[in-house]
Structures are given as C-alpha cells and as structure tokens.
C-alpha atoms as a PDB file:
ATOM      1  CA  MET A   1      24.554   7.743 -16.482  1.00  0.00           C
ATOM      2  CA  ASP A   2      25.031  11.214 -17.682  1.00  0.00           C
ATOM      3  CA  LEU A   3      21.753  13.251 -17.646  1.00  0.00           C
ATOM      4  CA  ARG A   4      23.032  16.527 -18.968  1.00  0.00           C
ATOM      5  CA  GLY A   5      20.623  18.152 -21.285  1.00  0.00           C
ATOM      6  CA  LYS A   6      17.636  16.452 -19.721  1.00  0.00           C
ATOM      7  CA  VAL A   7      14.664  18.017 -17.956  1.00  0.00           C
ATOM      8  CA  ALA A   8      13.119  16.191 -15.043  1.00  0.00           C
ATOM      9  CA  LEU A   9       9.951  16.457 -12.955  1.00  0.00           C
ATOM     10  CA  VAL A  10       9.767  14.684  -9.679  1.00  0.00           C
ATOM     11  CA  THR A  11       6.451  14.820  -7.722  1.00  0.00           C
ATOM     12  CA  GLY A  12       6.616  14.830  -3.896  1.00  0.00           C
ATOM     13  CA  ALA A  13      10.229  15.991  -4.107  1.00  0.00           C
ATOM     14  CA  SER A  14      10.450  18.044  -0.863  1.00  0.00           C
ATOM     15  CA  ARG A  15      11.288  14.962   1.278  1.00  0.00           C
ATOM     16  CA  GLY A  16      12.100  11.309   1.372  1.00  0.00           C
ATOM     17  CA  ILE A  17      12.578   9.363  -1.798  1.00  0.00           C
ATOM     18  CA  GLY A  18      11.394  12.234  -3.957  1.00  0.00           C
ATOM     19  CA  ARG A  19      13.864  14.624  -2.377  1.00  0.00           C
ATOM     20  CA  ALA A  20      16.773  12.112  -2.758  1.00  0.00           C
ATOM     21  CA  THR A  21      15.649  11.455  -6.391  1.00  0.00           C
ATOM     22  CA  ALA A  22      15.548  15.100  -7.325  1.00  0.00           C
ATOM     23  CA  LEU A  23      18.989  15.754  -5.894  1.00  0.00           C
ATOM     24  CA  LEU A  24      20.544  12.735  -7.618  1.00  0.00           C
ATOM     25  CA  LEU A  25      19.056  13.631 -11.035  1.00  0.00           C
ATOM     26  CA  GLY A  26      20.401  17.127 -10.667  1.00  0.00           C
ATOM     27  CA  GLU A  27      23.807  15.732  -9.475  1.00  0.00           C
ATOM     28  CA  ARG A  28      23.865  13.733 -12.680  1.00  0.00           C
ATOM     29  CA  GLY A  29      23.247  16.804 -14.777  1.00  0.00           C
ATOM     30  CA  ALA A  30      19.434  17.127 -15.192  1.00  0.00           C
ATOM     31  CA  ASP A  31      17.470  20.271 -14.803  1.00  0.00           C
ATOM     32  CA  VAL A  32      14.791  19.560 -12.250  1.00  0.00           C
ATOM     33  CA  VAL A  33      11.187  20.658 -11.368  1.00  0.00           C
ATOM     34  CA  VAL A  34      10.781  20.059  -7.684  1.00  0.00           C
ATOM     35  CA  HIS A  35       7.065  19.446  -7.037  1.00  0.00           C
ATOM     36  CA  TYR A  36       5.538  19.794  -3.686  1.00  0.00           C
ATOM     37  CA  LYS A  37       2.042  20.294  -2.063  1.00  0.00           C
ATOM     38  CA  THR A  38       2.585  21.694   1.409  1.00  0.00           C
ATOM     39  CA  SER A  39       6.450  21.854   2.165  1.00  0.00           C
ATOM     40  CA  GLU A  40       7.440  24.995   0.293  1.00  0.00           C
ATOM     41  CA  GLU A  41      10.532  25.821   2.415  1.00  0.00           C
ATOM     42  CA  ALA A  42      11.880  22.188   1.964  1.00  0.00           C
ATOM     43  CA  ALA A  43      11.061  22.154  -1.714  1.00  0.00           C
ATOM     44  CA  ARG A  44      12.858  25.508  -2.257  1.00  0.00           C
ATOM     45  CA  GLY A  45      15.800  24.177  -0.391  1.00  0.00           C
ATOM     46  CA  VAL A  46      15.945  21.076  -2.678  1.00  0.00           C
ATOM     47  CA  ALA A  47      15.874  23.398  -5.718  1.00  0.00           C
ATOM     48  CA  ALA A  48      18.510  25.694  -4.313  1.00  0.00           C
ATOM     49  CA  THR A  49      20.847  22.709  -3.701  1.00  0.00           C
ATOM     50  CA  ILE A  50      20.435  21.587  -7.256  1.00  0.00           C
ATOM     51  CA  ALA A  51      20.909  25.111  -8.626  1.00  0.00           C
ATOM     52  CA  ALA A  52      24.173  25.454  -6.571  1.00  0.00           C
ATOM     53  CA  SER A  53      25.655  22.745  -8.704  1.00  0.00           C
ATOM     54  CA  GLY A  54      24.962  24.691 -11.879  1.00  0.00           C
ATOM     55  CA  ARG A  55      21.689  23.065 -12.997  1.00  0.00           C
ATOM     56  CA  ARG A  56      18.419  24.787 -13.420  1.00  0.00           C
ATOM     57  CA  ALA A  57      15.809  23.991 -10.715  1.00  0.00           C
ATOM     58  CA  VAL A  58      12.428  25.347  -9.738  1.00  0.00           C
ATOM     59  CA  ALA A  59      10.028  24.415  -6.974  1.00  0.00           C
ATOM     60  CA  VAL A  60       6.431  24.204  -8.099  1.00  0.00           C
ATOM     61  CA  ARG A  61       3.362  23.623  -5.899  1.00  0.00           C
ATOM     62  CA  ALA A  62       0.441  21.515  -7.057  1.00  0.00           C
ATOM     63  CA  ASP A  63      -2.354  19.644  -5.273  1.00  0.00           C
ATOM     64  CA  LEU A  64      -2.601  16.344  -7.180  1.00  0.00           C
ATOM     65  CA  GLU A  65      -6.248  15.954  -6.013  1.00  0.00           C
ATOM     66  CA  ARG A  66      -7.100  18.970  -8.169  1.00  0.00           C
ATOM     67  CA  PRO A  67      -6.946  18.249 -11.996  1.00  0.00           C
ATOM     68  CA  GLU A  68      -6.592  21.947 -12.762  1.00  0.00           C
ATOM     69  CA  GLU A  69      -3.504  22.189 -10.591  1.00  0.00           C
ATOM     70  CA  ILE A  70      -1.881  19.247 -12.439  1.00  0.00           C
ATOM     71  CA  ASP A  71      -2.552  21.041 -15.673  1.00  0.00           C
ATOM     72  CA  ALA A  72      -0.937  24.109 -14.221  1.00  0.00           C
ATOM     73  CA  LEU A  73       2.136  22.145 -13.058  1.00  0.00           C
ATOM     74  CA  PHE A  74       2.767  20.875 -16.619  1.00  0.00           C
ATOM     75  CA  ALA A  75       2.120  24.244 -18.016  1.00  0.00           C
ATOM     76  CA  ARG A  76       4.879  25.578 -15.780  1.00  0.00           C
ATOM     77  CA  VAL A  77       7.257  22.852 -16.988  1.00  0.00           C
ATOM     78  CA  ARG A  78       6.522  23.877 -20.603  1.00  0.00           C
ATOM     79  CA  GLU A  79       6.944  27.610 -19.905  1.00  0.00           C
ATOM     80  CA  THR A  80      10.137  27.118 -18.018  1.00  0.00           C
ATOM     81  CA  PHE A  81      11.865  24.435 -19.986  1.00  0.00           C
ATOM     82  CA  GLY A  82       9.978  23.938 -23.127  1.00  0.00           C
ATOM     83  CA  ALA A  83       9.929  20.111 -22.950  1.00  0.00           C
ATOM     84  CA  LEU A  84      10.328  17.162 -20.516  1.00  0.00           C
ATOM     85  CA  ASP A  85      12.573  14.172 -20.555  1.00  0.00           C
ATOM     86  CA  ILE A  86      11.974  12.478 -17.201  1.00  0.00           C
ATOM     87  CA  PHE A  87       8.799  12.203 -15.164  1.00  0.00           C
ATOM     88  CA  VAL A  88       9.067  10.463 -11.749  1.00  0.00           C
ATOM     89  CA  ALA A  89       5.587   9.772 -10.224  1.00  0.00           C
ATOM     90  CA  ASN A  90       6.606   9.606  -6.642  1.00  0.00           C
ATOM     91  CA  ALA A  91       3.930  11.601  -4.635  1.00  0.00           C
ATOM     92  CA  ALA A  92       1.332   9.584  -2.747  1.00  0.00           C
ATOM     93  CA  ALA A  93      -1.449  10.297  -0.195  1.00  0.00           C
ATOM     94  CA  THR A  94      -3.964   8.245   1.626  1.00  0.00           C
ATOM     95  CA  ALA A  95      -6.037   7.601   4.749  1.00  0.00           C
ATOM     96  CA  PHE A  96      -4.529   4.690   6.786  1.00  0.00           C
ATOM     97  CA  ARG A  97      -7.545   2.773   7.887  1.00  0.00           C
ATOM     98  CA  PRO A  98      -8.564  -0.946   8.453  1.00  0.00           C
ATOM     99  CA  PHE A  99     -10.639  -2.241   5.525  1.00  0.00           C
ATOM    100  CA  ALA A 100     -13.903  -2.240   7.530  1.00  0.00           C
ATOM    101  CA  ALA A 101     -13.386   1.599   8.296  1.00  0.00           C
ATOM    102  CA  LEU A 102     -12.970   2.678   4.626  1.00  0.00           C
ATOM    103  CA  ARG A 103     -15.482   5.194   3.564  1.00  0.00           C
ATOM    104  CA  PRO A 104     -16.343   6.470   0.016  1.00  0.00           C
ATOM    105  CA  HIS A 105     -14.487   9.757   0.599  1.00  0.00           C
ATOM    106  CA  HIS A 106     -11.310   7.902   1.628  1.00  0.00           C
ATOM    107  CA  LEU A 107     -11.327   5.970  -1.688  1.00  0.00           C
ATOM    108  CA  ALA A 108     -12.239   8.984  -3.727  1.00  0.00           C
ATOM    109  CA  ARG A 109      -9.470  11.095  -2.506  1.00  0.00           C
ATOM    110  CA  THR A 110      -6.824   8.351  -2.457  1.00  0.00           C
ATOM    111  CA  TYR A 111      -7.604   7.266  -6.034  1.00  0.00           C
ATOM    112  CA  GLN A 112      -7.701  10.816  -7.250  1.00  0.00           C
ATOM    113  CA  ALA A 113      -4.292  11.662  -5.745  1.00  0.00           C
ATOM    114  CA  ASN A 114      -2.594   8.386  -6.826  1.00  0.00           C
ATOM    115  CA  VAL A 115      -4.454   6.814  -9.804  1.00  0.00           C
ATOM    116  CA  PHE A 116      -6.298   9.553 -11.571  1.00  0.00           C
ATOM    117  CA  ALA A 117      -3.568  12.085 -11.010  1.00  0.00           C
ATOM    118  CA  PHE A 118      -1.018   9.629 -12.493  1.00  0.00           C
ATOM    119  CA  VAL A 119      -3.032   9.125 -15.625  1.00  0.00           C
ATOM    120  CA  GLN A 120      -3.488  12.838 -16.197  1.00  0.00           C
ATOM    121  CA  ALA A 121       0.150  13.569 -15.363  1.00  0.00           C
ATOM    122  CA  ALA A 122       1.516  10.760 -17.590  1.00  0.00           C
ATOM    123  CA  GLN A 123      -0.616  12.043 -20.503  1.00  0.00           C
ATOM    124  CA  ALA A 124       0.728  15.460 -20.034  1.00  0.00           C
ATOM    125  CA  ALA A 125       4.251  14.250 -19.667  1.00  0.00           C
ATOM    126  CA  MET A 126       4.046  12.195 -22.869  1.00  0.00           C
ATOM    127  CA  ALA A 127       2.906  15.353 -24.713  1.00  0.00           C
ATOM    128  CA  LEU A 128       6.031  17.146 -23.519  1.00  0.00           C
ATOM    129  CA  MET A 129       8.223  14.207 -24.439  1.00  0.00           C
ATOM    130  CA  ALA A 130       7.240  14.295 -28.087  1.00  0.00           C
ATOM    131  CA  GLY A 131      10.217  13.459 -30.289  1.00  0.00           C
ATOM    132  CA  ARG A 132      12.520  12.823 -27.288  1.00  0.00           C
ATOM    133  CA  ARG A 133      13.634   9.579 -25.606  1.00  0.00           C
ATOM    134  CA  GLY A 134      11.590  10.145 -22.496  1.00  0.00           C
ATOM    135  CA  ARG A 135      11.516   8.158 -19.246  1.00  0.00           C
ATOM    136  CA  ILE A 136       8.638   7.731 -16.853  1.00  0.00           C
ATOM    137  CA  VAL A 137       9.149   6.009 -13.610  1.00  0.00           C
ATOM    138  CA  THR A 138       6.384   5.232 -11.026  1.00  0.00           C
ATOM    139  CA  VAL A 139       7.110   4.573  -7.342  1.00  0.00           C
ATOM    140  CA  SER A 140       5.017   1.796  -5.812  1.00  0.00           C
ATOM    141  CA  SER A 141       5.392  -0.037  -2.452  1.00  0.00           C
ATOM    142  CA  PHE A 142       5.801  -3.529  -1.159  1.00  0.00           C
ATOM    143  CA  PRO A 143       2.281  -3.903   0.411  1.00  0.00           C
ATOM    144  CA  THR A 144       0.848  -4.338  -3.077  1.00  0.00           C
ATOM    145  CA  ALA A 145       1.968  -7.943  -2.636  1.00  0.00           C
ATOM    146  CA  ARG A 146       2.197  -8.391   1.117  1.00  0.00           C
ATOM    147  CA  TYR A 147      -0.116  -7.484   4.022  1.00  0.00           C
ATOM    148  CA  LEU A 148       0.545  -4.471   6.085  1.00  0.00           C
ATOM    149  CA  PRO A 149      -2.066  -3.339   8.648  1.00  0.00           C
ATOM    150  CA  ASP A 150      -4.198  -0.312   7.585  1.00  0.00           C
ATOM    151  CA  TYR A 151      -2.586  -0.166   4.093  1.00  0.00           C
ATOM    152  CA  ALA A 152      -5.319  -1.733   1.933  1.00  0.00           C
ATOM    153  CA  LEU A 153      -6.307   1.441   0.318  1.00  0.00           C
ATOM    154  CA  LEU A 154      -3.041   2.868  -0.713  1.00  0.00           C
ATOM    155  CA  ALA A 155      -1.771  -0.609  -1.681  1.00  0.00           C
ATOM    156  CA  SER A 156      -4.700  -1.115  -3.991  1.00  0.00           C
ATOM    157  CA  ALA A 157      -4.019   2.312  -5.578  1.00  0.00           C
ATOM    158  CA  LYS A 158      -0.410   1.552  -6.014  1.00  0.00           C
ATOM    159  CA  ALA A 159      -1.324  -1.832  -7.481  1.00  0.00           C
ATOM    160  CA  ALA A 160      -3.398   0.074 -10.140  1.00  0.00           C
ATOM    161  CA  VAL A 161      -0.493   2.297 -10.887  1.00  0.00           C
ATOM    162  CA  GLU A 162       1.727  -0.765 -11.430  1.00  0.00           C
ATOM    163  CA  THR A 163      -0.794  -2.079 -13.938  1.00  0.00           C
ATOM    164  CA  LEU A 164      -1.044   1.302 -15.630  1.00  0.00           C
ATOM    165  CA  THR A 165       2.676   1.332 -15.815  1.00  0.00           C
ATOM    166  CA  ARG A 166       2.644  -1.855 -17.817  1.00  0.00           C
ATOM    167  CA  TYR A 167      -0.042  -0.722 -20.126  1.00  0.00           C
ATOM    168  CA  LEU A 168       1.424   2.651 -20.767  1.00  0.00           C
ATOM    169  CA  ALA A 169       4.861   1.080 -21.395  1.00  0.00           C
ATOM    170  CA  VAL A 170       3.449  -0.987 -24.331  1.00  0.00           C
ATOM    171  CA  GLU A 171       1.930   2.133 -25.930  1.00  0.00           C
ATOM    172  CA  ALA A 172       4.848   4.505 -25.160  1.00  0.00           C
ATOM    173  CA  ALA A 173       7.684   2.237 -26.346  1.00  0.00           C
ATOM    174  CA  PRO A 174       7.104   2.744 -30.071  1.00  0.00           C
ATOM    175  CA  LEU A 175       7.294   6.526 -29.409  1.00  0.00           C
ATOM    176  CA  GLY A 176      10.789   6.159 -27.806  1.00  0.00           C
ATOM    177  CA  VAL A 177       9.541   6.589 -24.231  1.00  0.00           C
ATOM    178  CA  THR A 178      10.154   3.872 -21.600  1.00  0.00           C
ATOM    179  CA  VAL A 179       7.913   3.426 -18.619  1.00  0.00           C
ATOM    180  CA  ASN A 180       8.870   1.416 -15.503  1.00  0.00           C
ATOM    181  CA  GLY A 181       8.464   1.458 -11.885  1.00  0.00           C
ATOM    182  CA  VAL A 182      10.258   0.896  -8.591  1.00  0.00           C
ATOM    183  CA  SER A 183       8.776  -0.930  -5.565  1.00  0.00           C
ATOM    184  CA  PRO A 184      10.723  -0.140  -2.386  1.00  0.00           C
ATOM    185  CA  GLY A 185      10.653  -2.098   0.814  1.00  0.00           C
ATOM    186  CA  VAL A 186      10.750  -0.283   4.204  1.00  0.00           C
ATOM    187  CA  VAL A 187      12.606   3.019   3.772  1.00  0.00           C
ATOM    188  CA  ALA A 188      13.762   5.228   6.492  1.00  0.00           C
ATOM    189  CA  THR A 189      11.439   8.178   5.875  1.00  0.00           C
ATOM    190  CA  GLU A 190       8.722  10.022   7.630  1.00  0.00           C
ATOM    191  CA  SER A 191       6.344   7.316   6.343  1.00  0.00           C
ATOM    192  CA  ILE A 192       7.549   4.834   8.829  1.00  0.00           C
ATOM    193  CA  GLY A 193       5.212   6.506  11.396  1.00  0.00           C
ATOM    194  CA  ALA A 194       2.273   5.549   9.171  1.00  0.00           C
ATOM    195  CA  TYR A 195       3.432   1.937   8.838  1.00  0.00           C
ATOM    196  CA  ALA A 196       4.316   1.546  12.600  1.00  0.00           C
ATOM    197  CA  ARG A 197       0.851   2.216  14.027  1.00  0.00           C
ATOM    198  CA  GLY A 198       2.346   3.919  17.055  1.00  0.00           C
ATOM    199  CA  ASP A 199       5.382   1.787  17.767  1.00  0.00           C
ATOM    200  CA  ASP A 200       8.151   2.969  15.487  1.00  0.00           C
ATOM    201  CA  ALA A 201      10.937   1.233  17.277  1.00  0.00           C
ATOM    202  CA  ALA A 202       9.273  -2.202  17.212  1.00  0.00           C
ATOM    203  CA  PHE A 203       8.408  -1.800  13.470  1.00  0.00           C
ATOM    204  CA  VAL A 204      11.969  -0.729  12.571  1.00  0.00           C
ATOM    205  CA  GLU A 205      13.365  -3.675  14.594  1.00  0.00           C
ATOM    206  CA  ALA A 206      11.025  -6.184  12.889  1.00  0.00           C
ATOM    207  CA  ALA A 207      11.521  -4.726   9.451  1.00  0.00           C
ATOM    208  CA  THR A 208      15.395  -4.736   9.889  1.00  0.00           C
ATOM    209  CA  ALA A 209      15.383  -8.256  11.165  1.00  0.00           C
ATOM    210  CA  ALA A 210      13.293  -9.458   8.207  1.00  0.00           C
ATOM    211  CA  THR A 211      15.591  -7.811   5.579  1.00  0.00           C
ATOM    212  CA  PRO A 212      18.461  -9.929   4.477  1.00  0.00           C
ATOM    213  CA  MET A 213      20.728  -6.870   4.000  1.00  0.00           C
ATOM    214  CA  GLY A 214      20.361  -6.204   7.658  1.00  0.00           C
ATOM    215  CA  ARG A 215      19.210  -2.640   7.529  1.00  0.00           C
ATOM    216  CA  LEU A 216      16.254  -0.420   6.414  1.00  0.00           C
ATOM    217  CA  GLY A 217      16.515   1.166   2.977  1.00  0.00           C
ATOM    218  CA  GLN A 218      17.649   4.613   2.667  1.00  0.00           C
ATOM    219  CA  PRO A 219      16.009   7.277   0.336  1.00  0.00           C
ATOM    220  CA  GLU A 220      19.276   7.245  -1.719  1.00  0.00           C
ATOM    221  CA  ASP A 221      19.030   3.521  -2.266  1.00  0.00           C
ATOM    222  CA  ILE A 222      15.747   3.925  -4.214  1.00  0.00           C
ATOM    223  CA  ALA A 223      16.831   7.168  -5.885  1.00  0.00           C
ATOM    224  CA  ARG A 224      19.768   5.325  -7.534  1.00  0.00           C
ATOM    225  CA  VAL A 225      17.417   2.677  -8.968  1.00  0.00           C
ATOM    226  CA  ILE A 226      15.101   5.495 -10.221  1.00  0.00           C
ATOM    227  CA  ALA A 227      18.123   7.320 -11.752  1.00  0.00           C
ATOM    228  CA  PHE A 228      19.213   4.128 -13.507  1.00  0.00           C
ATOM    229  CA  LEU A 229      15.755   3.697 -15.061  1.00  0.00           C
ATOM    230  CA  CYS A 230      15.990   7.315 -16.259  1.00  0.00           C
ATOM    231  CA  SER A 231      19.259   6.703 -18.000  1.00  0.00           C
ATOM    232  CA  ASP A 232      20.234   5.410 -21.434  1.00  0.00           C
ATOM    233  CA  ASP A 233      21.637   2.329 -19.741  1.00  0.00           C
ATOM    234  CA  ALA A 234      18.091   1.279 -19.006  1.00  0.00           C
ATOM    235  CA  ALA A 235      16.705   1.749 -22.545  1.00  0.00           C
ATOM    236  CA  TRP A 236      15.922  -1.959 -23.015  1.00  0.00           C
ATOM    237  CA  ILE A 237      13.881  -2.211 -19.777  1.00  0.00           C
ATOM    238  CA  VAL A 238      10.078  -1.761 -20.580  1.00  0.00           C
ATOM    239  CA  GLY A 239       7.087  -2.002 -18.346  1.00  0.00           C
ATOM    240  CA  GLN A 240       8.794  -3.531 -15.303  1.00  0.00           C
ATOM    241  CA  THR A 241       8.391  -2.787 -11.694  1.00  0.00           C
ATOM    242  CA  ILE A 242      11.713  -3.236 -10.132  1.00  0.00           C
ATOM    243  CA  VAL A 243      11.743  -4.521  -6.445  1.00  0.00           C
ATOM    244  CA  ALA A 244      14.427  -2.656  -4.432  1.00  0.00           C
ATOM    245  CA  ASP A 245      13.896  -3.850  -0.881  1.00  0.00           C
ATOM    246  CA  GLY A 246      17.150  -5.463   0.277  1.00  0.00           C
ATOM    247  CA  GLY A 247      15.372  -8.850   0.118  1.00  0.00           C
ATOM    248  CA  LEU A 248      12.579  -7.888   2.530  1.00  0.00           C
ATOM    249  CA  THR A 249       9.819  -9.510   0.456  1.00  0.00           C
ATOM    250  CA  LEU A 250      11.786 -12.787   0.107  1.00  0.00           C
ATOM    251  CA  THR A 251      11.683 -13.657   3.771  1.00  0.00           C
ATOM    252  CA  GLY A 252       8.096 -14.302   4.753  1.00  0.00           C
ATOM    253  CA  PRO A 253       5.601 -12.689   7.096  1.00  0.00           C
ATOM    254  CA  TYR A 254       6.846  -9.612   8.964  1.00  0.00           C
ATOM    255  CA  ALA A 255       3.685  -7.640   9.586  1.00  0.00           C
ATOM    256  CA  ARG A 256       0.825  -9.775  10.943  1.00  0.00           C
ATOM    257  CA  PRO A 257      -2.612  -8.544  11.382  1.00  0.00           C
ATOM    258  CA  PRO A 258      -3.525  -7.547  14.974  1.00  0.00           C
ATOM    259  CA  ALA A 259      -5.260 -10.196  17.077  1.00  0.00           C
ATOM    260  CA  ASP A 260      -8.439  -8.114  17.294  1.00  0.00           C
ATOM    261  CA  ARG A 261      -8.922  -7.794  13.472  1.00  0.00           C
ATOM    262  CA  PRO A 262     -10.785 -10.403  11.417  1.00  0.00           C
END
C-alpha cells in the first residue's frame, strides 16, 4: 500500500484517529496537510514528524463551522501541492445533550461542522482530484446504529454523512474517485470522556467487556483501515462504511439509558 507521490488532507489531525491517520499516510509515502482548529502545537508536531521521514507536511488551521475558512484550507492545499489525492473527513464537533435538551443552536453548529462542512469540503476535494484516482474517506461512529446517552445529535449528523458517502460514491466512481467510510467502535482517545458521562473507568470496563477482541480500539487500528481505503488495493470498494470495532456492535446492549431518562 505504497502512497508515494500522493497528497493527503486529514481533518482533525492533531490528535486521536486523525493524528494516527496523518502519521500513517506519511509513513506510507504521502505528503500530508495536517488540519487543526485549536491545537496548533500538536498539529505542528504531527507535521514535523511526517517531515522528518522525508515527506512534505504542513499544518493548516481552519474552523469547519466557517465556510470561508474551508475555502481557505483548500486554497492552501492547491497553493502548496497543486492537487489532492486523498481527503479524510475525520474532524467532528457537537454538544453532548439528551434529546430533550437539544436547542436550535446545538443543531445548527453540529450540522454545520459535520454535515455542511463535509459537503463543501468534498466538493472542493473533488475539484482538486480532477484527473487523478482520488480517495475520500469519512469517519463515522457506532452510535449511528446503537444508542449511547447524550449522543443523539452527533449520531444523527454522522448518519447523514454515511448517507452522503454512499451518494457521492456513486457520482464520483465514474470519475475515478472512490468514496468510503469507516465506523469505529470505542477508541482509546480523549473522546472517551464525552462518552463516559463522568465515569471513565466504568465506561472503559463495560466497553472492553462488550468487545469480543477483549480491548478498546486504538487510533492506529482505525488508521490502518483508513489507509487501506486510500490505497490502490481498495479500488473496488465503493460507497461502503466499514465497521472497525473489534466486534463491539455484535454483542448486544452495552450502554443503557439512565433510569431517570424517558
């Protein structure tokens, strides 16, 4: 899965799955645009690590809630590299609230950062992939199909992105661009704090017990699936969201609603 000569953009690449993905794509030969919103030092560290291996890498800030900053991000890609081969839509943002507590501004911001931003970014990526065998990979999450407390808003946005992944895949395939997604289970990142609702240890114990592989996923587990979808070996996979969860979603309930919720 040699990616030499490829240019990749990974959103939310300063930490977690995005960081692991950017590093792995660089390790496999790609030049990488490391997108971040707030963690400049961490993003520059990722870019420096990639550059140390002999690849080109640049950290670029953009707030995905602002369409003009998305435009500026892709303009920077064009100015720096001239084209794009790989776009990994990893970044996500939301307000974790029970359904009854969701307010219009929560929906507006979450859908802008996750759904509207993906559409705008994917359109820009497609323009930069013209004439190239491009790859677009979206990162979803298991609560699109399983209940997790306070996750309704982000789960619905991720579900929308999964649908958009399928539709874009059909339209992009004749142009030589494949579009697919990855749906991780519980991964050992900072996001566990959002899932755990104040009891990280109990959540990790329950998730580990419910995962047939007997451990939580690591960012590198997901990065390897993403890197595969970015490679020529995955050229015949079109419009699929690959579940990479160690079997977690096969085993039944593991996150019940609290007793005080309807």
